[in-house]
Amino acid sequence: PKIVDPDDVETLQDLVIGAIADASKAAQNVASEKLGPLAGGLGGGSLGLPGF
């Protein structure tokens, strides 16, 4: 897309990583709310991605 600046791919990468981190946190919150104490055994919902 024209929005992506080919000279500044790092910004796009940072935005994607941030969006994934936010989605992971939101999923963890929903799991905690819906499953309560059972959610602790699900591995934290990190999607297998280090740092999330």
PDB file of N, CA and C in Angstrom:
ATOM      1  N   PRO A   1       0.819  -1.205   0.000  1.00  0.00           N
ATOM      2  CA  PRO A   1       0.000   0.000   0.000  1.00  0.00           C
ATOM      3  C   PRO A   1       0.856   1.259   0.000  1.00  0.00           C
ATOM      4  N   LYS A   2       0.274   2.333  -0.431  1.00  0.00           N
ATOM      5  CA  LYS A   2       0.997   3.598  -0.496  1.00  0.00           C
ATOM      6  C   LYS A   2       1.306   4.148   0.890  1.00  0.00           C
ATOM      7  N   ILE A   3       0.597   3.673   1.896  1.00  0.00           N
ATOM      8  CA  ILE A   3       0.835   4.153   3.259  1.00  0.00           C
ATOM      9  C   ILE A   3       2.198   3.703   3.763  1.00  0.00           C
ATOM     10  N   VAL A   4       2.664   2.555   3.305  1.00  0.00           N
ATOM     11  CA  VAL A   4       3.943   2.021   3.754  1.00  0.00           C
ATOM     12  C   VAL A   4       5.073   2.752   3.046  1.00  0.00           C
ATOM     13  N   ASP A   5       5.927   3.364   3.844  1.00  0.00           N
ATOM     14  CA  ASP A   5       7.097   4.059   3.309  1.00  0.00           C
ATOM     15  C   ASP A   5       8.226   3.041   3.164  1.00  0.00           C
ATOM     16  N   PRO A   6       8.662   2.739   1.958  1.00  0.00           N
ATOM     17  CA  PRO A   6       9.708   1.730   1.775  1.00  0.00           C
ATOM     18  C   PRO A   6      11.023   2.098   2.459  1.00  0.00           C
ATOM     19  N   ASP A   7      11.198   3.365   2.784  1.00  0.00           N
ATOM     20  CA  ASP A   7      12.412   3.796   3.472  1.00  0.00           C
ATOM     21  C   ASP A   7      12.272   3.729   4.986  1.00  0.00           C
ATOM     22  N   ASP A   8      11.084   3.373   5.479  1.00  0.00           N
ATOM     23  CA  ASP A   8      10.849   3.340   6.928  1.00  0.00           C
ATOM     24  C   ASP A   8      10.046   2.094   7.311  1.00  0.00           C
ATOM     25  N   VAL A   9      10.568   0.951   6.949  1.00  0.00           N
ATOM     26  CA  VAL A   9       9.899  -0.312   7.240  1.00  0.00           C
ATOM     27  C   VAL A   9       9.908  -0.591   8.744  1.00  0.00           C
ATOM     28  N   GLU A  10      10.907  -0.094   9.454  1.00  0.00           N
ATOM     29  CA  GLU A  10      11.003  -0.341  10.894  1.00  0.00           C
ATOM     30  C   GLU A  10       9.781   0.180  11.644  1.00  0.00           C
ATOM     31  N   THR A  11       9.236   1.309  11.233  1.00  0.00           N
ATOM     32  CA  THR A  11       8.051   1.848  11.897  1.00  0.00           C
ATOM     33  C   THR A  11       6.876   0.896  11.729  1.00  0.00           C
ATOM     34  N   LEU A  12       6.700   0.360  10.540  1.00  0.00           N
ATOM     35  CA  LEU A  12       5.628  -0.603  10.296  1.00  0.00           C
ATOM     36  C   LEU A  12       5.838  -1.854  11.144  1.00  0.00           C
ATOM     37  N   GLN A  13       7.072  -2.323  11.218  1.00  0.00           N
ATOM     38  CA  GLN A  13       7.375  -3.490  12.043  1.00  0.00           C
ATOM     39  C   GLN A  13       7.027  -3.221  13.503  1.00  0.00           C
ATOM     40  N   ASP A  14       7.391  -2.053  14.000  1.00  0.00           N
ATOM     41  CA  ASP A  14       7.087  -1.694  15.384  1.00  0.00           C
ATOM     42  C   ASP A  14       5.588  -1.645  15.629  1.00  0.00           C
ATOM     43  N   LEU A  15       4.839  -1.114  14.669  1.00  0.00           N
ATOM     44  CA  LEU A  15       3.384  -1.042  14.810  1.00  0.00           C
ATOM     45  C   LEU A  15       2.753  -2.434  14.841  1.00  0.00           C
ATOM     46  N   VAL A  16       3.253  -3.326  14.001  1.00  0.00           N
ATOM     47  CA  VAL A  16       2.719  -4.692  13.974  1.00  0.00           C
ATOM     48  C   VAL A  16       3.039  -5.412  15.281  1.00  0.00           C
ATOM     49  N   ILE A  17       4.268  -5.296  15.757  1.00  0.00           N
ATOM     50  CA  ILE A  17       4.657  -5.927  17.021  1.00  0.00           C
ATOM     51  C   ILE A  17       3.812  -5.378  18.166  1.00  0.00           C
ATOM     52  N   GLY A  18       3.599  -4.071  18.186  1.00  0.00           N
ATOM     53  CA  GLY A  18       2.766  -3.461  19.224  1.00  0.00           C
ATOM     54  C   GLY A  18       1.332  -3.952  19.170  1.00  0.00           C
ATOM     55  N   ALA A  19       0.795  -4.097  17.967  1.00  0.00           N
ATOM     56  CA  ALA A  19      -0.579  -4.583  17.816  1.00  0.00           C
ATOM     57  C   ALA A  19      -0.704  -6.022  18.297  1.00  0.00           C
ATOM     58  N   ILE A  20       0.296  -6.847  18.007  1.00  0.00           N
ATOM     59  CA  ILE A  20       0.275  -8.238  18.466  1.00  0.00           C
ATOM     60  C   ILE A  20       0.347  -8.290  19.988  1.00  0.00           C
ATOM     61  N   ALA A  21       1.200  -7.465  20.576  1.00  0.00           N
ATOM     62  CA  ALA A  21       1.318  -7.430  22.034  1.00  0.00           C
ATOM     63  C   ALA A  21       0.004  -6.987  22.672  1.00  0.00           C
ATOM     64  N   ASP A  22      -0.626  -5.958  22.118  1.00  0.00           N
ATOM     65  CA  ASP A  22      -1.907  -5.480  22.648  1.00  0.00           C
ATOM     66  C   ASP A  22      -2.985  -6.553  22.530  1.00  0.00           C
ATOM     67  N   ALA A  23      -3.020  -7.250  21.404  1.00  0.00           N
ATOM     68  CA  ALA A  23      -4.015  -8.307  21.202  1.00  0.00           C
ATOM     69  C   ALA A  23      -3.787  -9.454  22.174  1.00  0.00           C
ATOM     70  N   SER A  24      -2.539  -9.785  22.419  1.00  0.00           N
ATOM     71  CA  SER A  24      -2.220 -10.856  23.360  1.00  0.00           C
ATOM     72  C   SER A  24      -2.670 -10.492  24.771  1.00  0.00           C
ATOM     73  N   LYS A  25      -2.409  -9.253  25.176  1.00  0.00           N
ATOM     74  CA  LYS A  25      -2.840  -8.803  26.506  1.00  0.00           C
ATOM     75  C   LYS A  25      -4.359  -8.805  26.618  1.00  0.00           C
ATOM     76  N   ALA A  26      -5.029  -8.369  25.564  1.00  0.00           N
ATOM     77  CA  ALA A  26      -6.493  -8.356  25.577  1.00  0.00           C
ATOM     78  C   ALA A  26      -7.037  -9.777  25.674  1.00  0.00           C
ATOM     79  N   ALA A  27      -6.421 -10.713  24.961  1.00  0.00           N
ATOM     80  CA  ALA A  27      -6.854 -12.110  25.019  1.00  0.00           C
ATOM     81  C   ALA A  27      -6.641 -12.685  26.412  1.00  0.00           C
ATOM     82  N   GLN A  28      -5.531 -12.337  27.044  1.00  0.00           N
ATOM     83  CA  GLN A  28      -5.273 -12.795  28.406  1.00  0.00           C
ATOM     84  C   GLN A  28      -6.321 -12.247  29.362  1.00  0.00           C
ATOM     85  N   ASN A  29      -6.681 -10.986  29.197  1.00  0.00           N
ATOM     86  CA  ASN A  29      -7.691 -10.380  30.067  1.00  0.00           C
ATOM     87  C   ASN A  29      -9.045 -11.050  29.900  1.00  0.00           C
ATOM     88  N   VAL A  30      -9.435 -11.325  28.670  1.00  0.00           N
ATOM     89  CA  VAL A  30     -10.715 -11.986  28.419  1.00  0.00           C
ATOM     90  C   VAL A  30     -10.697 -13.392  29.009  1.00  0.00           C
ATOM     91  N   ALA A  31      -9.597 -14.112  28.811  1.00  0.00           N
ATOM     92  CA  ALA A  31      -9.490 -15.462  29.361  1.00  0.00           C
ATOM     93  C   ALA A  31      -9.584 -15.429  30.878  1.00  0.00           C
ATOM     94  N   SER A  32      -8.926 -14.463  31.504  1.00  0.00           N
ATOM     95  CA  SER A  32      -8.979 -14.349  32.960  1.00  0.00           C
ATOM     96  C   SER A  32     -10.391 -14.060  33.440  1.00  0.00           C
ATOM     97  N   GLU A  33     -11.084 -13.183  32.730  1.00  0.00           N
ATOM     98  CA  GLU A  33     -12.451 -12.834  33.114  1.00  0.00           C
ATOM     99  C   GLU A  33     -13.401 -14.011  32.930  1.00  0.00           C
ATOM    100  N   LYS A  34     -13.258 -14.730  31.832  1.00  0.00           N
ATOM    101  CA  LYS A  34     -14.192 -15.810  31.504  1.00  0.00           C
ATOM    102  C   LYS A  34     -13.888 -17.100  32.250  1.00  0.00           C
ATOM    103  N   LEU A  35     -12.605 -17.402  32.433  1.00  0.00           N
ATOM    104  CA  LEU A  35     -12.229 -18.683  33.008  1.00  0.00           C
ATOM    105  C   LEU A  35     -11.794 -18.595  34.463  1.00  0.00           C
ATOM    106  N   GLY A  36     -11.539 -17.398  34.936  1.00  0.00           N
ATOM    107  CA  GLY A  36     -11.128 -17.223  36.326  1.00  0.00           C
ATOM    108  C   GLY A  36      -9.857 -17.998  36.629  1.00  0.00           C
ATOM    109  N   PRO A  37      -9.862 -18.742  37.724  1.00  0.00           N
ATOM    110  CA  PRO A  37      -8.645 -19.455  38.142  1.00  0.00           C
ATOM    111  C   PRO A  37      -8.201 -20.534  37.153  1.00  0.00           C
ATOM    112  N   LEU A  38      -9.103 -21.026  36.325  1.00  0.00           N
ATOM    113  CA  LEU A  38      -8.722 -22.042  35.345  1.00  0.00           C
ATOM    114  C   LEU A  38      -7.786 -21.486  34.285  1.00  0.00           C
ATOM    115  N   ALA A  39      -7.810 -20.181  34.042  1.00  0.00           N
ATOM    116  CA  ALA A  39      -6.997 -19.559  32.996  1.00  0.00           C
ATOM    117  C   ALA A  39      -5.507 -19.662  33.289  1.00  0.00           C
ATOM    118  N   GLY A  40      -5.124 -19.818  34.545  1.00  0.00           N
ATOM    119  CA  GLY A  40      -3.712 -19.899  34.901  1.00  0.00           C
ATOM    120  C   GLY A  40      -3.002 -21.082  34.272  1.00  0.00           C
ATOM    121  N   GLY A  41      -3.726 -22.145  33.967  1.00  0.00           N
ATOM    122  CA  GLY A  41      -3.112 -23.325  33.392  1.00  0.00           C
ATOM    123  C   GLY A  41      -2.980 -23.291  31.887  1.00  0.00           C
ATOM    124  N   LEU A  42      -3.289 -22.183  31.265  1.00  0.00           N
ATOM    125  CA  LEU A  42      -3.247 -22.105  29.809  1.00  0.00           C
ATOM    126  C   LEU A  42      -1.927 -21.578  29.266  1.00  0.00           C
ATOM    127  N   GLY A  43      -0.930 -21.446  30.090  1.00  0.00           N
ATOM    128  CA  GLY A  43       0.368 -20.995  29.614  1.00  0.00           C
ATOM    129  C   GLY A  43       0.476 -19.496  29.440  1.00  0.00           C
ATOM    130  N   GLY A  44      -0.427 -18.728  29.992  1.00  0.00           N
ATOM    131  CA  GLY A  44      -0.325 -17.280  29.943  1.00  0.00           C
ATOM    132  C   GLY A  44      -0.796 -16.651  28.654  1.00  0.00           C
ATOM    133  N   GLY A  45      -1.168 -17.434  27.674  1.00  0.00           N
ATOM    134  CA  GLY A  45      -1.689 -16.873  26.431  1.00  0.00           C
ATOM    135  C   GLY A  45      -0.665 -16.126  25.607  1.00  0.00           C
ATOM    136  N   SER A  46       0.603 -16.512  25.713  1.00  0.00           N
ATOM    137  CA  SER A  46       1.649 -15.772  25.005  1.00  0.00           C
ATOM    138  C   SER A  46       1.740 -16.143  23.531  1.00  0.00           C
ATOM    139  N   LEU A  47       0.930 -17.057  23.063  1.00  0.00           N
ATOM    140  CA  LEU A  47       0.933 -17.501  21.675  1.00  0.00           C
ATOM    141  C   LEU A  47       2.274 -18.101  21.274  1.00  0.00           C
ATOM    142  N   GLY A  48       3.084 -18.484  22.259  1.00  0.00           N
ATOM    143  CA  GLY A  48       4.383 -19.058  21.962  1.00  0.00           C
ATOM    144  C   GLY A  48       5.403 -18.057  21.465  1.00  0.00           C
ATOM    145  N   LEU A  49       5.116 -16.776  21.597  1.00  0.00           N
ATOM    146  CA  LEU A  49       6.028 -15.742  21.126  1.00  0.00           C
ATOM    147  C   LEU A  49       6.771 -15.142  22.307  1.00  0.00           C
ATOM    148  N   PRO A  50       8.090 -15.258  22.321  1.00  0.00           N
ATOM    149  CA  PRO A  50       8.846 -14.684  23.430  1.00  0.00           C
ATOM    150  C   PRO A  50       8.647 -13.176  23.529  1.00  0.00           C
ATOM    151  N   GLY A  51       8.541 -12.692  24.734  1.00  0.00           N
ATOM    152  CA  GLY A  51       8.396 -11.257  24.959  1.00  0.00           C
ATOM    153  C   GLY A  51       6.974 -10.766  24.965  1.00  0.00           C
ATOM    154  N   PHE A  52       6.011 -11.665  24.779  1.00  0.00           N
ATOM    155  CA  PHE A  52       4.613 -11.251  24.772  1.00  0.00           C
ATOM    156  C   PHE A  52       3.894 -11.831  25.949  1.00  0.00           C
TER     157      PHE A  52
END
